[in-house]
Amino acid sequence: MIPVFLDDTTDPRAPRESGWYIMDGQRILEEGPFTSREQAALWLDSTEPEPPSDIP
């Protein structure tokens, strides 16, 4: 998953207003638009699972 800026001129187009959306391959996730790439990246970081603590 990566943050991508979408608007009326991009392919794919922004599903709502222009801004940063999270894309998983060719699929736009429901989250967004975010106001900055950093905000989108922080959302991504908060949704990723924590690695298991028992890995050496």
Protein backbone atom coordinates (compact mmCIF):
# COMPACT_ATOMS: atom_id res chain seq x y z
CA MET A 1 0.00 0.00 0.00
CA ILE A 2 1.27 3.43 -0.91
CA PRO A 3 0.02 7.03 -0.66
CA VAL A 4 -0.74 8.56 -4.07
CA PHE A 5 -1.98 12.04 -4.99
CA LEU A 6 -5.15 11.87 -7.09
CA ASP A 7 -7.21 14.60 -8.73
CA ASP A 8 -9.40 15.09 -11.84
CA THR A 9 -6.44 14.68 -14.20
CA THR A 10 -4.85 11.51 -12.81
CA ASP A 11 -5.51 7.95 -13.83
CA PRO A 12 -7.24 6.74 -11.76
CA ARG A 13 -9.20 9.86 -10.89
CA ALA A 14 -9.85 10.95 -7.32
CA PRO A 15 -13.03 9.24 -6.13
CA ARG A 16 -14.01 12.36 -4.20
CA GLU A 17 -12.00 15.56 -3.93
CA SER A 18 -8.33 16.01 -4.87
CA GLY A 19 -5.86 14.78 -2.28
CA TRP A 20 -3.75 11.90 -1.07
CA TYR A 21 -5.33 8.45 -1.15
CA ILE A 22 -4.05 5.02 -0.17
CA MET A 23 -3.68 2.60 -3.07
CA ASP A 24 -3.30 -1.14 -2.79
CA GLY A 25 -2.17 -2.11 -6.27
CA GLN A 26 -4.80 -0.66 -8.62
CA ARG A 27 -7.43 -0.41 -5.86
CA ILE A 28 -8.11 2.87 -4.03
CA LEU A 29 -8.92 2.26 -0.38
CA GLU A 30 -11.86 4.09 1.20
CA GLU A 31 -9.61 6.19 3.41
CA GLY A 32 -8.83 9.67 2.18
CA PRO A 33 -8.36 12.13 0.91
CA PHE A 34 -5.54 13.10 3.22
CA THR A 35 -4.18 16.66 3.08
CA SER A 36 -0.53 15.58 2.75
CA ARG A 37 1.62 12.60 1.87
CA GLU A 38 2.94 12.61 5.44
CA GLN A 39 -0.60 12.37 6.86
CA ALA A 40 -1.36 9.43 4.55
CA ALA A 41 1.93 7.73 5.51
CA LEU A 42 1.13 8.15 9.22
CA TRP A 43 -2.26 6.52 8.67
CA LEU A 44 -0.52 3.62 6.90
CA ASP A 45 1.96 3.24 9.76
CA SER A 46 -0.86 3.16 12.30
CA THR A 47 -2.72 0.39 10.45
CA GLU A 48 0.21 -1.98 9.89
CA PRO A 49 0.33 -4.84 12.37
CA GLU A 50 3.15 -4.92 14.89
CA PRO A 51 5.73 -7.64 14.24
CA PRO A 52 5.66 -10.56 16.68
CA SER A 53 7.84 -9.86 19.70
CA ASP A 54 9.17 -13.42 19.89
CA ILE A 55 11.23 -13.16 16.68
CA PRO A 56 14.94 -13.13 17.58
